N, C-alpha and C. Protein backbone atom coordinates (compact mmCIF):
# COMPACT_ATOMS: atom_id res chain seq x y z
N MET A 1 99.29 81.27 103.19
CA MET A 1 98.73 80.79 101.94
C MET A 1 99.88 80.26 101.06
N VAL A 2 99.66 79.15 100.45
CA VAL A 2 100.64 78.50 99.59
C VAL A 2 100.59 79.17 98.22
N THR A 3 101.77 79.56 97.70
CA THR A 3 101.82 80.14 96.36
C THR A 3 102.77 79.33 95.49
N ILE A 4 102.46 79.28 94.23
CA ILE A 4 103.27 78.51 93.29
C ILE A 4 104.65 79.13 93.15
N GLY A 5 104.73 80.45 93.07
CA GLY A 5 106.02 81.12 92.94
C GLY A 5 106.95 80.82 94.10
N ASP A 6 106.43 80.89 95.33
CA ASP A 6 107.25 80.60 96.51
C ASP A 6 107.72 79.15 96.51
N GLU A 7 106.85 78.25 96.14
CA GLU A 7 107.20 76.83 96.15
C GLU A 7 108.22 76.50 95.06
N LEU A 8 108.14 77.17 93.91
CA LEU A 8 109.17 76.98 92.89
C LEU A 8 110.52 77.46 93.40
N ASP A 9 110.52 78.59 94.10
CA ASP A 9 111.77 79.10 94.68
C ASP A 9 112.34 78.13 95.70
N LYS A 10 111.48 77.55 96.54
CA LYS A 10 111.95 76.58 97.53
C LYS A 10 112.57 75.35 96.87
N ALA A 11 111.97 74.91 95.78
CA ALA A 11 112.51 73.74 95.08
C ALA A 11 113.89 74.03 94.52
N VAL A 12 114.07 75.21 93.96
CA VAL A 12 115.37 75.57 93.41
C VAL A 12 116.39 75.75 94.52
N GLN A 13 115.96 76.26 95.66
CA GLN A 13 116.88 76.44 96.79
C GLN A 13 117.35 75.11 97.34
N GLY A 14 116.62 74.05 97.07
CA GLY A 14 117.05 72.72 97.48
C GLY A 14 118.31 72.27 96.74
N ALA A 15 118.66 72.95 95.66
CA ALA A 15 119.86 72.60 94.89
C ALA A 15 121.11 73.31 95.39
N PHE A 16 120.96 74.20 96.38
CA PHE A 16 122.12 74.94 96.89
C PHE A 16 123.18 73.97 97.39
N THR A 17 124.43 74.30 97.13
CA THR A 17 125.53 73.43 97.54
C THR A 17 126.17 73.87 98.84
N ARG A 18 125.91 75.10 99.25
CA ARG A 18 126.44 75.60 100.52
C ARG A 18 125.30 76.23 101.30
N PRO A 19 125.38 76.18 102.64
CA PRO A 19 124.31 76.80 103.43
C PRO A 19 124.40 78.32 103.39
N LEU A 20 123.28 78.96 103.65
CA LEU A 20 123.25 80.42 103.75
C LEU A 20 124.09 80.88 104.93
N PRO A 21 124.63 82.10 104.87
CA PRO A 21 125.32 82.63 106.06
C PRO A 21 124.35 82.68 107.24
N LYS A 22 124.82 82.30 108.41
CA LYS A 22 123.93 82.19 109.58
C LYS A 22 123.80 83.51 110.34
N SER A 23 124.93 84.15 110.64
CA SER A 23 124.88 85.33 111.51
C SER A 23 124.42 86.55 110.72
N ALA A 24 123.88 87.52 111.45
CA ALA A 24 123.41 88.75 110.82
C ALA A 24 124.58 89.50 110.19
N GLY A 25 125.74 89.48 110.83
CA GLY A 25 126.91 90.15 110.27
C GLY A 25 127.35 89.54 108.96
N ALA A 26 127.38 88.22 108.90
CA ALA A 26 127.77 87.53 107.66
C ALA A 26 126.75 87.78 106.55
N GLN A 27 125.48 87.78 106.90
CA GLN A 27 124.44 88.06 105.91
C GLN A 27 124.56 89.50 105.39
N MET A 28 124.82 90.43 106.30
CA MET A 28 124.95 91.83 105.90
C MET A 28 126.19 92.02 105.02
N ARG A 29 127.30 91.39 105.37
CA ARG A 29 128.50 91.49 104.55
C ARG A 29 128.26 90.92 103.15
N TYR A 30 127.52 89.83 103.07
CA TYR A 30 127.20 89.25 101.78
C TYR A 30 126.38 90.23 100.93
N LEU A 31 125.37 90.85 101.53
CA LEU A 31 124.55 91.81 100.78
C LEU A 31 125.37 93.01 100.33
N VAL A 32 126.24 93.50 101.20
CA VAL A 32 127.09 94.64 100.83
C VAL A 32 127.99 94.26 99.66
N LYS A 33 128.54 93.06 99.69
CA LYS A 33 129.38 92.59 98.59
C LYS A 33 128.58 92.48 97.29
N GLN A 34 127.33 92.01 97.39
CA GLN A 34 126.48 91.88 96.21
C GLN A 34 126.10 93.23 95.61
N HIS A 35 126.10 94.27 96.41
CA HIS A 35 125.72 95.61 95.94
C HIS A 35 126.95 96.49 95.75
N GLN A 36 128.03 95.94 95.24
CA GLN A 36 129.26 96.66 94.92
C GLN A 36 129.77 97.49 96.10
N ARG A 37 129.78 96.87 97.26
CA ARG A 37 130.33 97.50 98.48
C ARG A 37 129.59 98.77 98.88
N SER A 38 128.31 98.88 98.52
CA SER A 38 127.54 100.06 98.85
C SER A 38 126.63 99.79 100.05
N THR A 39 127.02 100.32 101.20
CA THR A 39 126.17 100.16 102.38
C THR A 39 124.89 100.99 102.23
N ARG A 40 124.94 102.04 101.44
CA ARG A 40 123.74 102.86 101.23
C ARG A 40 122.66 102.06 100.51
N ARG A 41 123.02 101.32 99.46
CA ARG A 41 122.04 100.51 98.72
C ARG A 41 121.43 99.43 99.61
N VAL A 42 122.26 98.81 100.43
CA VAL A 42 121.75 97.77 101.33
C VAL A 42 120.81 98.39 102.36
N ALA A 43 121.17 99.57 102.87
CA ALA A 43 120.30 100.25 103.84
C ALA A 43 118.95 100.58 103.22
N GLU A 44 118.95 101.06 101.98
CA GLU A 44 117.69 101.36 101.29
C GLU A 44 116.89 100.09 101.05
N LEU A 45 117.57 99.03 100.70
CA LEU A 45 116.92 97.75 100.44
C LEU A 45 116.22 97.21 101.68
N LEU A 46 116.87 97.34 102.83
CA LEU A 46 116.34 96.78 104.08
C LEU A 46 115.51 97.78 104.88
N GLY A 47 115.53 99.05 104.49
CA GLY A 47 114.76 100.05 105.22
C GLY A 47 115.38 100.43 106.55
N ILE A 48 116.70 100.45 106.62
CA ILE A 48 117.40 100.85 107.85
C ILE A 48 118.43 101.90 107.49
N SER A 49 119.11 102.46 108.48
CA SER A 49 120.10 103.50 108.21
C SER A 49 121.41 102.88 107.71
N GLN A 50 122.17 103.71 107.01
CA GLN A 50 123.46 103.26 106.49
C GLN A 50 124.40 102.94 107.65
N ARG A 51 124.33 103.71 108.71
CA ARG A 51 125.19 103.47 109.87
C ARG A 51 124.87 102.12 110.53
N THR A 52 123.61 101.75 110.55
CA THR A 52 123.23 100.45 111.12
C THR A 52 123.83 99.31 110.29
N VAL A 53 123.81 99.45 108.98
CA VAL A 53 124.42 98.45 108.10
C VAL A 53 125.90 98.33 108.42
N GLU A 54 126.57 99.47 108.55
CA GLU A 54 128.00 99.46 108.85
C GLU A 54 128.28 98.78 110.20
N ARG A 55 127.41 98.98 111.17
CA ARG A 55 127.60 98.33 112.48
C ARG A 55 127.44 96.81 112.38
N TYR A 56 126.49 96.36 111.58
CA TYR A 56 126.34 94.91 111.39
C TYR A 56 127.56 94.34 110.67
N VAL A 57 128.08 95.05 109.67
CA VAL A 57 129.24 94.58 108.92
C VAL A 57 130.44 94.42 109.84
N LYS A 58 130.60 95.33 110.79
CA LYS A 58 131.73 95.28 111.73
C LYS A 58 131.44 94.42 112.97
N ASN A 59 130.29 93.75 113.00
CA ASN A 59 129.85 92.92 114.13
C ASN A 59 129.71 93.71 115.42
N GLN A 60 129.41 95.00 115.33
CA GLN A 60 129.12 95.79 116.52
C GLN A 60 127.70 95.53 117.00
N ILE A 61 126.83 95.17 116.08
CA ILE A 61 125.47 94.73 116.41
C ILE A 61 125.38 93.28 115.94
N LYS A 62 124.88 92.41 116.79
CA LYS A 62 124.85 90.99 116.43
C LYS A 62 123.45 90.42 116.26
N THR A 63 122.46 90.98 116.94
CA THR A 63 121.11 90.41 116.90
C THR A 63 120.12 91.43 116.35
N PRO A 64 119.61 91.20 115.14
CA PRO A 64 118.63 92.13 114.57
C PRO A 64 117.24 91.91 115.15
N ARG A 65 116.40 92.91 114.99
CA ARG A 65 114.98 92.77 115.35
C ARG A 65 114.38 91.67 114.49
N PRO A 66 113.33 91.02 114.95
CA PRO A 66 112.75 89.90 114.17
C PRO A 66 112.34 90.29 112.75
N ASP A 67 111.73 91.46 112.58
CA ASP A 67 111.31 91.85 111.23
C ASP A 67 112.51 92.11 110.33
N LEU A 68 113.56 92.71 110.88
CA LEU A 68 114.79 92.94 110.10
C LEU A 68 115.48 91.61 109.79
N ALA A 69 115.48 90.70 110.73
CA ALA A 69 116.10 89.39 110.50
C ALA A 69 115.40 88.66 109.35
N ASP A 70 114.07 88.76 109.30
CA ASP A 70 113.31 88.13 108.21
C ASP A 70 113.64 88.76 106.86
N ARG A 71 113.66 90.10 106.82
CA ARG A 71 113.98 90.80 105.56
C ARG A 71 115.40 90.47 105.11
N LEU A 72 116.32 90.45 106.07
CA LEU A 72 117.72 90.17 105.77
C LEU A 72 117.88 88.77 105.19
N GLU A 73 117.28 87.78 105.83
CA GLU A 73 117.37 86.41 105.33
C GLU A 73 116.71 86.26 103.96
N ARG A 74 115.56 86.90 103.77
CA ARG A 74 114.86 86.82 102.49
C ARG A 74 115.70 87.41 101.36
N GLU A 75 116.36 88.55 101.61
CA GLU A 75 117.19 89.18 100.57
C GLU A 75 118.44 88.36 100.27
N VAL A 76 119.05 87.78 101.30
CA VAL A 76 120.22 86.93 101.08
C VAL A 76 119.81 85.68 100.30
N ARG A 77 118.71 85.06 100.70
CA ARG A 77 118.23 83.84 100.04
C ARG A 77 117.92 84.10 98.56
N ALA A 78 117.38 85.28 98.26
CA ALA A 78 117.03 85.60 96.87
C ALA A 78 118.26 85.76 95.99
N ARG A 79 119.42 86.07 96.59
CA ARG A 79 120.63 86.31 95.82
C ARG A 79 121.67 85.20 95.95
N TRP A 80 121.41 84.21 96.77
CA TRP A 80 122.40 83.19 97.10
C TRP A 80 122.60 82.24 95.94
N GLN A 81 123.84 81.96 95.60
CA GLN A 81 124.28 81.02 94.57
C GLN A 81 123.48 81.11 93.27
N PRO A 82 123.60 82.24 92.58
CA PRO A 82 122.82 82.42 91.34
C PRO A 82 123.18 81.43 90.24
N GLN A 83 124.44 81.00 90.17
CA GLN A 83 124.81 80.04 89.12
C GLN A 83 124.23 78.65 89.40
N VAL A 84 124.22 78.25 90.66
CA VAL A 84 123.63 76.97 91.04
C VAL A 84 122.13 77.00 90.77
N ARG A 85 121.51 78.12 91.11
CA ARG A 85 120.07 78.30 90.88
C ARG A 85 119.76 78.21 89.38
N ALA A 86 120.54 78.90 88.56
CA ALA A 86 120.32 78.90 87.11
C ALA A 86 120.53 77.51 86.52
N ARG A 87 121.56 76.80 86.99
CA ARG A 87 121.83 75.45 86.49
C ARG A 87 120.70 74.49 86.86
N ALA A 88 120.16 74.61 88.08
CA ALA A 88 119.06 73.74 88.50
C ALA A 88 117.81 74.01 87.67
N LYS A 89 117.52 75.28 87.41
CA LYS A 89 116.36 75.62 86.58
C LYS A 89 116.55 75.10 85.15
N GLN A 90 117.74 75.26 84.62
CA GLN A 90 118.03 74.80 83.26
C GLN A 90 117.88 73.29 83.14
N THR A 91 118.38 72.57 84.11
CA THR A 91 118.27 71.11 84.08
C THR A 91 116.81 70.67 84.16
N ALA A 92 116.05 71.29 85.06
CA ALA A 92 114.64 70.93 85.21
C ALA A 92 113.84 71.27 83.96
N ALA A 93 114.19 72.37 83.30
CA ALA A 93 113.42 72.83 82.15
C ALA A 93 113.82 72.14 80.85
N THR A 94 114.96 71.45 80.84
CA THR A 94 115.38 70.82 79.58
C THR A 94 115.38 69.30 79.63
N THR A 95 115.82 68.71 80.73
CA THR A 95 115.94 67.26 80.75
C THR A 95 115.28 66.60 81.95
N GLY A 96 115.34 67.22 83.12
CA GLY A 96 114.95 66.54 84.33
C GLY A 96 113.49 66.59 84.70
N GLY A 97 112.83 67.70 84.40
CA GLY A 97 111.46 67.87 84.87
C GLY A 97 111.45 68.16 86.36
N ILE A 98 110.27 68.09 86.95
CA ILE A 98 110.11 68.40 88.37
C ILE A 98 108.96 67.57 88.93
N MET A 99 109.09 67.19 90.19
CA MET A 99 108.00 66.47 90.87
C MET A 99 107.08 67.49 91.51
N ILE A 100 105.80 67.26 91.41
CA ILE A 100 104.82 68.13 92.05
C ILE A 100 103.94 67.29 92.95
N ASP A 101 103.73 67.77 94.16
CA ASP A 101 102.82 67.15 95.12
C ASP A 101 101.82 68.22 95.47
N VAL A 102 100.59 68.06 95.01
CA VAL A 102 99.59 69.11 95.17
C VAL A 102 98.29 68.53 95.73
N GLN A 103 97.72 69.27 96.66
CA GLN A 103 96.38 68.97 97.15
C GLN A 103 95.56 70.22 96.91
N ALA A 104 94.54 70.09 96.06
CA ALA A 104 93.77 71.25 95.66
C ALA A 104 92.40 70.83 95.16
N ARG A 105 91.57 71.83 94.97
CA ARG A 105 90.25 71.59 94.38
C ARG A 105 90.40 71.79 92.87
N PHE A 106 90.05 70.76 92.12
CA PHE A 106 90.12 70.81 90.67
C PHE A 106 88.71 70.85 90.12
N GLY A 107 88.47 71.77 89.20
CA GLY A 107 87.21 71.85 88.49
C GLY A 107 87.46 71.54 87.02
N TYR A 108 86.42 71.21 86.29
CA TYR A 108 86.59 70.77 84.91
C TYR A 108 85.55 71.42 84.01
N THR A 109 85.89 71.58 82.77
CA THR A 109 84.94 71.89 81.72
C THR A 109 85.05 70.74 80.75
N ALA A 110 84.01 69.93 80.69
CA ALA A 110 84.10 68.70 79.90
C ALA A 110 82.83 68.52 79.08
N ALA A 111 82.80 67.43 78.34
CA ALA A 111 81.66 67.09 77.49
C ALA A 111 80.43 66.84 78.35
N PRO A 112 79.23 67.08 77.81
CA PRO A 112 78.01 66.81 78.56
C PRO A 112 77.92 65.35 78.98
N GLY A 113 77.38 65.13 80.15
CA GLY A 113 77.23 63.78 80.66
C GLY A 113 78.37 63.34 81.55
N SER A 114 79.43 64.11 81.62
CA SER A 114 80.55 63.75 82.48
C SER A 114 80.43 64.51 83.80
N THR A 115 81.17 64.04 84.78
CA THR A 115 81.12 64.71 86.08
C THR A 115 82.12 65.85 86.07
N ASP A 116 81.59 67.07 86.06
CA ASP A 116 82.48 68.22 86.04
C ASP A 116 82.44 68.99 87.36
N ASP A 117 81.93 68.36 88.41
CA ASP A 117 81.90 68.99 89.72
C ASP A 117 83.32 69.08 90.25
N ALA A 118 83.62 70.22 90.83
CA ALA A 118 84.95 70.40 91.42
C ALA A 118 85.06 69.54 92.67
N ARG A 119 86.24 68.97 92.88
CA ARG A 119 86.48 68.19 94.10
C ARG A 119 87.95 68.25 94.45
N ILE A 120 88.23 67.96 95.70
CA ILE A 120 89.60 68.01 96.19
C ILE A 120 90.31 66.71 95.82
N ARG A 121 91.51 66.87 95.27
CA ARG A 121 92.35 65.72 94.91
C ARG A 121 93.74 65.96 95.44
N HIS A 122 94.44 64.87 95.71
CA HIS A 122 95.84 64.91 96.11
C HIS A 122 96.62 64.17 95.04
N LEU A 123 97.46 64.91 94.31
CA LEU A 123 98.21 64.33 93.20
C LEU A 123 99.71 64.47 93.46
N THR A 124 100.45 63.43 93.15
CA THR A 124 101.90 63.46 93.16
C THR A 124 102.36 62.88 91.83
N LEU A 125 103.00 63.71 91.02
CA LEU A 125 103.43 63.22 89.72
C LEU A 125 104.58 64.06 89.18
N ALA A 126 105.20 63.55 88.15
CA ALA A 126 106.33 64.23 87.52
C ALA A 126 105.83 65.09 86.37
N LEU A 127 106.23 66.36 86.40
CA LEU A 127 105.91 67.24 85.28
C LEU A 127 107.07 67.19 84.29
N PRO A 128 106.78 66.99 83.02
CA PRO A 128 107.84 66.95 82.02
C PRO A 128 108.51 68.33 81.84
N PRO A 129 109.70 68.34 81.25
CA PRO A 129 110.47 69.58 81.13
C PRO A 129 109.74 70.72 80.41
N GLN A 130 108.94 70.43 79.40
CA GLN A 130 108.28 71.52 78.67
C GLN A 130 107.33 72.32 79.56
N HIS A 131 106.65 71.65 80.49
CA HIS A 131 105.76 72.35 81.42
C HIS A 131 106.56 73.12 82.46
N VAL A 132 107.66 72.53 82.91
CA VAL A 132 108.53 73.20 83.88
C VAL A 132 109.12 74.46 83.26
N ALA A 133 109.52 74.38 82.01
CA ALA A 133 110.08 75.54 81.32
C ALA A 133 109.06 76.67 81.26
N ARG A 134 107.80 76.34 81.00
CA ARG A 134 106.74 77.37 80.97
C ARG A 134 106.58 78.02 82.33
N LEU A 135 106.62 77.21 83.39
CA LEU A 135 106.48 77.77 84.74
C LEU A 135 107.63 78.70 85.08
N PHE A 136 108.86 78.26 84.83
CA PHE A 136 110.03 79.10 85.16
C PHE A 136 110.07 80.36 84.30
N THR A 137 109.71 80.24 83.02
CA THR A 137 109.70 81.41 82.14
C THR A 137 108.67 82.43 82.61
N ALA A 138 107.51 81.96 82.97
CA ALA A 138 106.46 82.87 83.47
C ALA A 138 106.87 83.51 84.79
N GLN A 139 107.49 82.72 85.66
CA GLN A 139 107.93 83.27 86.94
C GLN A 139 109.00 84.34 86.73
N GLN A 140 109.93 84.08 85.82
CA GLN A 140 110.98 85.04 85.54
C GLN A 140 110.42 86.31 84.91
N ALA A 141 109.33 86.20 84.17
CA ALA A 141 108.69 87.35 83.53
C ALA A 141 107.73 88.06 84.49
N SER A 142 107.81 87.74 85.77
CA SER A 142 106.99 88.37 86.81
C SER A 142 105.50 88.13 86.60
N ALA A 143 105.15 86.90 86.26
CA ALA A 143 103.75 86.54 86.10
C ALA A 143 103.05 86.58 87.46
N THR A 144 101.76 86.87 87.44
CA THR A 144 100.99 86.90 88.68
C THR A 144 100.76 85.47 89.17
N GLU A 145 100.33 85.35 90.40
CA GLU A 145 100.04 84.03 90.97
C GLU A 145 98.93 83.33 90.19
N ASP A 146 97.94 84.09 89.74
CA ASP A 146 96.84 83.51 88.95
C ASP A 146 97.36 82.95 87.62
N GLN A 147 98.31 83.64 86.99
CA GLN A 147 98.87 83.14 85.75
C GLN A 147 99.69 81.88 85.98
N LEU A 148 100.48 81.86 87.07
CA LEU A 148 101.24 80.65 87.40
C LEU A 148 100.30 79.49 87.72
N ARG A 149 99.21 79.79 88.41
CA ARG A 149 98.23 78.75 88.75
C ARG A 149 97.59 78.19 87.48
N GLN A 150 97.31 79.05 86.50
CA GLN A 150 96.72 78.61 85.23
C GLN A 150 97.70 77.71 84.47
N ILE A 151 98.97 78.08 84.46
CA ILE A 151 99.98 77.26 83.78
C ILE A 151 100.11 75.90 84.47
N ALA A 152 100.10 75.90 85.81
CA ALA A 152 100.16 74.64 86.55
C ALA A 152 98.93 73.78 86.29
N ALA A 153 97.76 74.41 86.21
CA ALA A 153 96.53 73.66 85.92
C ALA A 153 96.58 73.04 84.53
N GLU A 154 97.09 73.79 83.57
CA GLU A 154 97.22 73.24 82.21
C GLU A 154 98.21 72.07 82.19
N ALA A 155 99.29 72.19 82.94
CA ALA A 155 100.28 71.10 82.99
C ALA A 155 99.67 69.87 83.65
N LEU A 156 99.00 70.05 84.77
CA LEU A 156 98.37 68.91 85.44
C LEU A 156 97.26 68.31 84.58
N GLY A 157 96.52 69.16 83.87
CA GLY A 157 95.48 68.67 82.98
C GLY A 157 96.06 67.81 81.87
N ASP A 158 97.17 68.25 81.32
CA ASP A 158 97.79 67.50 80.23
C ASP A 158 98.40 66.19 80.73
N VAL A 159 99.14 66.25 81.82
CA VAL A 159 99.87 65.07 82.29
C VAL A 159 98.95 64.06 82.97
N TYR A 160 98.08 64.52 83.86
CA TYR A 160 97.28 63.60 84.66
C TYR A 160 95.90 63.33 84.07
N PHE A 161 95.15 64.38 83.80
CA PHE A 161 93.76 64.19 83.41
C PHE A 161 93.61 63.77 81.94
N ARG A 162 94.42 64.33 81.05
CA ARG A 162 94.33 63.96 79.63
C ARG A 162 95.36 62.92 79.24
N ASP A 163 96.21 62.51 80.16
CA ASP A 163 97.22 61.47 79.93
C ASP A 163 98.04 61.75 78.67
N ASN A 164 98.57 62.96 78.60
CA ASN A 164 99.40 63.40 77.47
C ASN A 164 98.70 63.23 76.12
N GLY A 165 97.41 63.54 76.09
CA GLY A 165 96.65 63.50 74.84
C GLY A 165 96.03 62.17 74.49
N HIS A 166 96.12 61.17 75.37
CA HIS A 166 95.57 59.86 75.08
C HIS A 166 94.10 59.70 75.45
N ARG A 167 93.56 60.61 76.28
CA ARG A 167 92.15 60.50 76.67
C ARG A 167 91.63 61.87 77.06
N ALA A 168 90.33 61.95 77.26
CA ALA A 168 89.63 63.15 77.73
C ALA A 168 89.98 64.38 76.89
N HIS A 169 89.87 64.24 75.59
CA HIS A 169 90.16 65.36 74.70
C HIS A 169 89.18 66.49 74.97
N GLY A 170 89.67 67.71 75.00
CA GLY A 170 88.81 68.87 75.23
C GLY A 170 88.54 69.18 76.69
N LEU A 171 89.08 68.38 77.59
CA LEU A 171 88.88 68.62 79.02
C LEU A 171 89.74 69.80 79.45
N GLU A 172 89.12 70.80 80.04
CA GLU A 172 89.83 71.96 80.57
C GLU A 172 89.83 71.87 82.09
N VAL A 173 90.99 71.99 82.71
CA VAL A 173 91.14 71.84 84.15
C VAL A 173 91.36 73.20 84.78
N ALA A 174 90.67 73.44 85.90
CA ALA A 174 90.85 74.68 86.67
C ALA A 174 91.33 74.31 88.07
N LEU A 175 92.37 74.95 88.50
CA LEU A 175 92.94 74.75 89.84
C LEU A 175 92.43 75.89 90.70
N THR A 176 91.47 75.60 91.58
CA THR A 176 90.82 76.69 92.31
C THR A 176 91.38 76.88 93.72
N ASP A 177 91.13 75.97 94.62
CA ASP A 177 91.57 76.12 96.00
C ASP A 177 92.84 75.32 96.22
N LEU A 178 93.95 76.01 96.38
CA LEU A 178 95.24 75.36 96.60
C LEU A 178 95.42 75.14 98.10
N ILE A 179 95.39 73.89 98.53
CA ILE A 179 95.50 73.56 99.95
C ILE A 179 96.96 73.34 100.32
N ASP A 180 97.65 72.52 99.55
CA ASP A 180 99.06 72.23 99.83
C ASP A 180 99.76 72.01 98.50
N LEU A 181 101.03 72.44 98.43
CA LEU A 181 101.80 72.31 97.21
C LEU A 181 103.27 72.19 97.56
N GLU A 182 103.95 71.31 96.83
CA GLU A 182 105.39 71.17 97.01
C GLU A 182 106.01 70.72 95.70
N PHE A 183 107.10 71.36 95.32
CA PHE A 183 107.86 70.97 94.13
C PHE A 183 109.18 70.37 94.60
N GLU A 184 109.72 69.44 93.82
CA GLU A 184 111.03 68.86 94.12
C GLU A 184 111.76 68.63 92.81
N LEU A 185 112.99 69.12 92.74
CA LEU A 185 113.79 68.92 91.53
C LEU A 185 114.28 67.50 91.43
């Protein structure tokens, strides 16, 4: 299932200037470094023993189980290049905006006599910085997926359906079935 939070993270990861560490040992060493050289914290984070973490750090074990490899990569990716990540978010939220490519079912609450039936649309457009700032702020405040979806619907309603206040006054947009979504900085 496509989620707005995950797609925002992917867009920000596109700004990384260096690739993630490839080997399990390099990834484990990075996590240990991020946790003040504590193999115990990394072991608790990944759900493995402290001794196993130490073996990965020393390259005594080279190939993790698939589920551990996924957890390891996810944790490294979440912590990788925090300054680059912050700078990309700041630029998008203040000057650059973000491109959104969404295919979803949109419903409307509009004036009587208009077509308010929900239908699937495919939209590709630029969201201005003020809407991007709302999305990133909500994501950072641990907003639920429904809250992020509501903010995205309001942004799309303002930019696309109401044309930044030039038409369709009072139109409320609901983003119901999210089929595909992609953000690009």
